[in-house]
Amino acid sequence: MKKLNCWEYKKSGREPGGNRKDLGICPSAITTRLNGIHGGTNAGRACWVVAGTMCGGSVQGVFARKYETCEQCDFYKTVVEEEGAQYVLSMFLLKKLKGE
């Protein structure tokens, strides 16, 4: 089974070469520090820790402000379920994102 990135799952069109030029490229699609996490491309399977992603048509802020909403997201829940014991906790993702 192919693991989908957030832009594929949500069909946002905000990946490089996507069809939503008006909204620009999603930060998750170009955040390379998280490439490969949960089997995704860049931060495509860890979008909840990336600032500036969109949800419900609105740009989301930093992790501390958006995580509660992200926990309710069907994509987030899918990643957690698909990864099972291999799921990487957000605090580790944030450290990796910061280059620690």
C-alpha atoms as a PDB file:
ATOM      1  CA  MET A   1       0.000   0.000   0.000  1.00  0.00           C
ATOM      2  CA  LYS A   2       1.351   3.415  -1.005  1.00  0.00           C
ATOM      3  CA  LYS A   3       1.511   5.894   1.836  1.00  0.00           C
ATOM      4  CA  LEU A   4       0.007   9.188   0.733  1.00  0.00           C
ATOM      5  CA  ASN A   5       1.422  12.614   1.522  1.00  0.00           C
ATOM      6  CA  CYS A   6      -0.993  15.192   2.901  1.00  0.00           C
ATOM      7  CA  TRP A   7      -1.379  17.027  -0.423  1.00  0.00           C
ATOM      8  CA  GLU A   8      -2.246  13.730  -2.140  1.00  0.00           C
ATOM      9  CA  TYR A   9      -4.643  12.637   0.592  1.00  0.00           C
ATOM     10  CA  LYS A  10      -6.392  16.019   0.742  1.00  0.00           C
ATOM     11  CA  LYS A  11      -6.041  16.655  -3.017  1.00  0.00           C
ATOM     12  CA  SER A  12      -4.939  20.206  -2.241  1.00  0.00           C
ATOM     13  CA  GLY A  13      -2.949  20.797  -5.418  1.00  0.00           C
ATOM     14  CA  ARG A  14      -0.327  22.680  -3.380  1.00  0.00           C
ATOM     15  CA  GLU A  15       2.640  20.411  -4.121  1.00  0.00           C
ATOM     16  CA  PRO A  16       5.388  21.583  -6.500  1.00  0.00           C
ATOM     17  CA  GLY A  17       3.810  21.493  -9.964  1.00  0.00           C
ATOM     18  CA  GLY A  18       0.324  21.347  -8.453  1.00  0.00           C
ATOM     19  CA  ASN A  19      -2.733  23.106  -9.800  1.00  0.00           C
ATOM     20  CA  ARG A  20      -3.245  25.669  -6.992  1.00  0.00           C
ATOM     21  CA  LYS A  21      -0.753  28.331  -8.040  1.00  0.00           C
ATOM     22  CA  ASP A  22      -3.026  30.952  -6.426  1.00  0.00           C
ATOM     23  CA  LEU A  23      -2.352  29.472  -2.966  1.00  0.00           C
ATOM     24  CA  GLY A  24       1.323  28.709  -3.509  1.00  0.00           C
ATOM     25  CA  ILE A  25       3.268  25.609  -2.582  1.00  0.00           C
ATOM     26  CA  CYS A  26       2.417  24.123   0.803  1.00  0.00           C
ATOM     27  CA  PRO A  27       5.271  24.403   3.333  1.00  0.00           C
ATOM     28  CA  SER A  28       4.951  20.663   4.029  1.00  0.00           C
ATOM     29  CA  ALA A  29       5.805  19.878   0.430  1.00  0.00           C
ATOM     30  CA  ILE A  30       9.140  21.707   0.645  1.00  0.00           C
ATOM     31  CA  THR A  31      10.217  21.058   4.252  1.00  0.00           C
ATOM     32  CA  THR A  32      13.135  18.735   3.555  1.00  0.00           C
ATOM     33  CA  ARG A  33      14.282  18.137   7.163  1.00  0.00           C
ATOM     34  CA  LEU A  34      11.388  15.705   7.601  1.00  0.00           C
ATOM     35  CA  ASN A  35      11.898  13.850   4.330  1.00  0.00           C
ATOM     36  CA  GLY A  36      11.154  10.160   4.811  1.00  0.00           C
ATOM     37  CA  ILE A  37       9.342  10.529   8.126  1.00  0.00           C
ATOM     38  CA  HIS A  38       6.436   8.062   8.207  1.00  0.00           C
ATOM     39  CA  GLY A  39       7.365   7.128   4.622  1.00  0.00           C
ATOM     40  CA  GLY A  40       6.497  10.540   3.216  1.00  0.00           C
ATOM     41  CA  THR A  41       8.110  13.044   0.896  1.00  0.00           C
ATOM     42  CA  ASN A  42       9.549  16.025   2.761  1.00  0.00           C
ATOM     43  CA  ALA A  43       6.985  16.761   5.533  1.00  0.00           C
ATOM     44  CA  GLY A  44       4.123  15.195   3.616  1.00  0.00           C
ATOM     45  CA  ARG A  45       3.340  12.785   6.455  1.00  0.00           C
ATOM     46  CA  ALA A  46       4.162  15.149   9.319  1.00  0.00           C
ATOM     47  CA  CYS A  47       2.351  18.319   8.221  1.00  0.00           C
ATOM     48  CA  TRP A  48       0.993  18.955  11.723  1.00  0.00           C
ATOM     49  CA  VAL A  49       4.407  20.168  12.915  1.00  0.00           C
ATOM     50  CA  VAL A  50       4.955  22.553   9.978  1.00  0.00           C
ATOM     51  CA  ALA A  51       3.828  26.174  10.347  1.00  0.00           C
ATOM     52  CA  GLY A  52       1.845  27.764   7.534  1.00  0.00           C
ATOM     53  CA  THR A  53      -0.053  24.726   6.254  1.00  0.00           C
ATOM     54  CA  MET A  54      -3.722  25.153   5.354  1.00  0.00           C
ATOM     55  CA  CYS A  55      -6.741  23.534   6.928  1.00  0.00           C
ATOM     56  CA  GLY A  56     -10.328  24.267   6.035  1.00  0.00           C
ATOM     57  CA  GLY A  57      -9.228  26.995   3.644  1.00  0.00           C
ATOM     58  CA  SER A  58      -7.271  28.926   6.299  1.00  0.00           C
ATOM     59  CA  VAL A  59      -3.536  29.168   6.873  1.00  0.00           C
ATOM     60  CA  GLN A  60      -2.611  27.563  10.172  1.00  0.00           C
ATOM     61  CA  GLY A  61      -0.007  29.048  12.482  1.00  0.00           C
ATOM     62  CA  VAL A  62       2.727  27.487  14.553  1.00  0.00           C
ATOM     63  CA  PHE A  63       2.550  23.995  16.048  1.00  0.00           C
ATOM     64  CA  ALA A  64       1.409  25.126  19.507  1.00  0.00           C
ATOM     65  CA  ARG A  65      -1.619  26.879  18.007  1.00  0.00           C
ATOM     66  CA  LYS A  66      -2.597  24.338  15.384  1.00  0.00           C
ATOM     67  CA  TYR A  67      -1.902  20.929  16.918  1.00  0.00           C
ATOM     68  CA  GLU A  68      -5.243  20.580  18.668  1.00  0.00           C
ATOM     69  CA  THR A  69      -7.002  21.055  15.328  1.00  0.00           C
ATOM     70  CA  CYS A  70      -4.557  18.707  13.602  1.00  0.00           C
ATOM     71  CA  GLU A  71      -5.301  15.938  16.102  1.00  0.00           C
ATOM     72  CA  GLN A  72      -8.888  15.957  14.794  1.00  0.00           C
ATOM     73  CA  CYS A  73      -7.802  15.780  11.127  1.00  0.00           C
ATOM     74  CA  ASP A  74      -8.654  12.619   9.201  1.00  0.00           C
ATOM     75  CA  PHE A  75      -5.200  12.636   7.572  1.00  0.00           C
ATOM     76  CA  TYR A  76      -3.404  12.876  10.932  1.00  0.00           C
ATOM     77  CA  LYS A  77      -5.499  10.016  12.297  1.00  0.00           C
ATOM     78  CA  THR A  78      -4.729   7.952   9.184  1.00  0.00           C
ATOM     79  CA  VAL A  79      -0.972   8.461   9.593  1.00  0.00           C
ATOM     80  CA  VAL A  80      -1.107   7.514  13.284  1.00  0.00           C
ATOM     81  CA  GLU A  81      -3.083   4.369  12.449  1.00  0.00           C
ATOM     82  CA  GLU A  82      -0.897   3.393   9.470  1.00  0.00           C
ATOM     83  CA  GLU A  83       2.350   3.893  11.379  1.00  0.00           C
ATOM     84  CA  GLY A  84       1.269   2.149  14.578  1.00  0.00           C
ATOM     85  CA  ALA A  85       4.331   1.547  16.769  1.00  0.00           C
ATOM     86  CA  GLN A  86       6.539   3.290  14.165  1.00  0.00           C
ATOM     87  CA  TYR A  87       4.705   6.622  14.630  1.00  0.00           C
ATOM     88  CA  VAL A  88       7.208   9.342  15.523  1.00  0.00           C
ATOM     89  CA  LEU A  89       5.984  11.618  18.319  1.00  0.00           C
ATOM     90  CA  SER A  90       5.590  15.298  17.506  1.00  0.00           C
ATOM     91  CA  MET A  91       8.231  16.410  20.024  1.00  0.00           C
ATOM     92  CA  PHE A  92      10.849  14.391  18.111  1.00  0.00           C
ATOM     93  CA  LEU A  93       9.611  15.740  14.788  1.00  0.00           C
ATOM     94  CA  LEU A  94       9.881  19.302  16.085  1.00  0.00           C
ATOM     95  CA  LYS A  95      13.477  18.701  17.198  1.00  0.00           C
ATOM     96  CA  LYS A  96      14.356  17.268  13.809  1.00  0.00           C
ATOM     97  CA  LEU A  97      12.639  20.190  12.116  1.00  0.00           C
ATOM     98  CA  LYS A  98      14.775  22.603  14.129  1.00  0.00           C
ATOM     99  CA  GLY A  99      17.918  20.659  13.256  1.00  0.00           C
ATOM    100  CA  GLU A 100      18.622  19.410  16.752  1.00  0.00           C
END
